[in-house]
């Protein structure tokens, strides 16, 4: 997905949970950029065979198994994205920080319950 589509999706998600503010647009744009880069690296990783471990030859000519750098990059980009998602309230912990009432049960009086049952 491209940066613009990501930004639209993130904005829509923020609006749907009530955390969107126009002041967050630069943060949303940054997150969209991170996700676009992550998608590109994931696509390259898949096209290269999706090998989690590769053989790396060091300067001394020794071959060693090492974690695929593309897989490392994907993990780092996901970590960055998670921080932005949390800041925007798009994780349970992040939403709780921005809106403490989002997870609280709504209290109703006994009278309201009876009236509700009567129709």
Protein backbone atom coordinates (compact mmCIF):
# COMPACT_ATOMS: atom_id res chain seq x y z
CA UNK A 1 0.00 0.00 0.00
CA UNK A 2 1.33 3.46 -0.74
CA UNK A 3 1.86 6.27 1.76
CA UNK A 4 -1.33 8.13 0.82
CA UNK A 5 -3.52 5.03 1.22
CA UNK A 6 -1.89 4.23 4.56
CA UNK A 7 -2.50 7.81 5.75
CA UNK A 8 -6.17 7.59 4.73
CA UNK A 9 -6.59 4.27 6.55
CA UNK A 10 -4.84 5.50 9.71
CA UNK A 11 -6.91 8.70 9.72
CA UNK A 12 -10.13 6.70 9.29
CA UNK A 13 -9.14 4.39 12.15
CA UNK A 14 -8.34 7.34 14.42
CA UNK A 15 -11.69 8.94 13.57
CA UNK A 16 -13.58 5.71 14.22
CA UNK A 17 -12.19 5.43 17.76
CA UNK A 18 -12.43 9.16 18.44
CA UNK A 19 -8.73 10.00 18.74
CA UNK A 20 -8.26 11.97 15.51
CA UNK A 21 -7.09 15.56 15.70
CA UNK A 22 -5.80 17.57 12.78
CA UNK A 23 -2.67 18.22 14.83
CA UNK A 24 -1.85 14.50 14.49
CA UNK A 25 -1.58 14.69 10.68
CA UNK A 26 2.26 14.92 10.71
CA UNK A 27 2.44 11.85 12.97
CA UNK A 28 -0.03 10.02 10.73
CA UNK A 29 2.07 10.91 7.68
CA UNK A 30 5.23 9.65 9.38
CA UNK A 31 3.53 6.38 10.34
CA UNK A 32 2.24 6.02 6.77
CA UNK A 33 5.81 6.42 5.52
CA UNK A 34 7.10 3.77 7.92
CA UNK A 35 4.38 1.34 6.83
CA UNK A 36 5.05 2.01 3.15
CA UNK A 37 8.76 1.24 3.68
CA UNK A 38 7.87 -1.89 5.65
CA UNK A 39 5.63 -3.09 2.83
CA UNK A 40 8.41 -2.56 0.27
CA UNK A 41 10.96 -4.43 2.36
CA UNK A 42 8.48 -7.27 2.96
CA UNK A 43 7.85 -7.53 -0.77
CA UNK A 44 11.61 -7.63 -1.49
CA UNK A 45 12.03 -10.23 1.26
CA UNK A 46 9.33 -12.45 -0.29
CA UNK A 47 10.74 -12.00 -3.80
CA UNK A 48 14.22 -12.95 -2.55
CA UNK A 49 12.93 -16.26 -1.22
CA UNK A 50 11.89 -15.27 2.32
CA UNK A 51 14.94 -16.89 3.89
CA UNK A 52 15.15 -16.05 7.60
CA UNK A 53 18.84 -16.96 7.73
CA UNK A 54 21.47 -16.27 5.06
CA UNK A 55 25.13 -17.10 4.61
CA UNK A 56 27.33 -14.04 5.06
CA UNK A 57 31.01 -14.03 4.13
CA UNK A 58 33.05 -11.75 6.38
CA UNK A 59 36.22 -9.83 5.45
CA UNK A 60 38.36 -12.79 6.46
CA UNK A 61 36.56 -14.97 3.94
CA UNK A 62 34.72 -17.03 6.54
CA UNK A 63 31.13 -17.92 5.80
CA UNK A 64 28.72 -17.55 8.71
CA UNK A 65 24.98 -17.95 9.07
CA UNK A 66 23.27 -14.71 10.02
CA UNK A 67 19.75 -13.35 10.28
CA UNK A 68 18.56 -11.92 6.97
CA UNK A 69 19.04 -8.11 7.07
CA UNK A 70 15.67 -7.64 5.36
CA UNK A 71 13.99 -9.56 8.17
CA UNK A 72 15.79 -7.38 10.70
CA UNK A 73 14.62 -4.25 8.85
CA UNK A 74 11.02 -5.50 8.84
CA UNK A 75 11.19 -6.04 12.61
CA UNK A 76 12.63 -2.57 13.21
CA UNK A 77 10.00 -0.93 11.01
CA UNK A 78 7.24 -2.83 12.84
CA UNK A 79 8.67 -1.63 16.17
CA UNK A 80 8.67 1.97 14.92
CA UNK A 81 5.12 1.60 13.62
CA UNK A 82 3.94 0.17 16.93
CA UNK A 83 5.22 3.25 18.76
CA UNK A 84 3.27 5.54 16.40
CA UNK A 85 0.14 3.36 16.61
CA UNK A 86 0.33 3.56 20.39
CA UNK A 87 0.76 7.36 20.30
CA UNK A 88 -2.31 7.68 18.06
CA UNK A 89 -4.42 5.47 20.33
CA UNK A 90 -4.55 2.62 17.81
CA UNK A 91 -3.54 -0.02 20.35
CA UNK A 92 -5.49 -0.93 23.48
CA UNK A 93 -2.80 0.60 25.73
CA UNK A 94 -2.55 3.70 23.58
CA UNK A 95 -6.31 4.19 23.50
CA UNK A 96 -6.48 3.77 27.26
CA UNK A 97 -3.89 6.56 27.65
CA UNK A 98 -5.77 8.93 25.34
CA UNK A 99 -9.26 8.02 26.47
CA UNK A 100 -9.49 6.38 29.88
CA UNK A 101 -13.24 5.98 29.50
CA UNK A 102 -12.92 3.89 26.30
CA UNK A 103 -12.69 0.66 28.30
CA UNK A 104 -14.84 1.51 31.28
CA UNK A 105 -18.24 -0.12 31.53
CA UNK A 106 -21.05 2.35 31.40
CA UNK A 107 -22.91 2.41 34.69
CA UNK A 108 -26.67 2.55 34.59
CA UNK A 109 -29.06 2.94 37.44
CA UNK A 110 -31.52 0.24 38.44
CA UNK A 111 -34.38 2.51 37.33
CA UNK A 112 -32.81 2.92 33.89
CA UNK A 113 -32.47 -0.86 33.58
CA UNK A 114 -36.12 -1.42 34.46
CA UNK A 115 -37.29 1.26 32.04
CA UNK A 116 -35.09 -0.23 29.33
CA UNK A 117 -36.64 -3.67 29.87
CA UNK A 118 -40.17 -2.21 29.68
CA UNK A 119 -39.38 -0.86 26.26
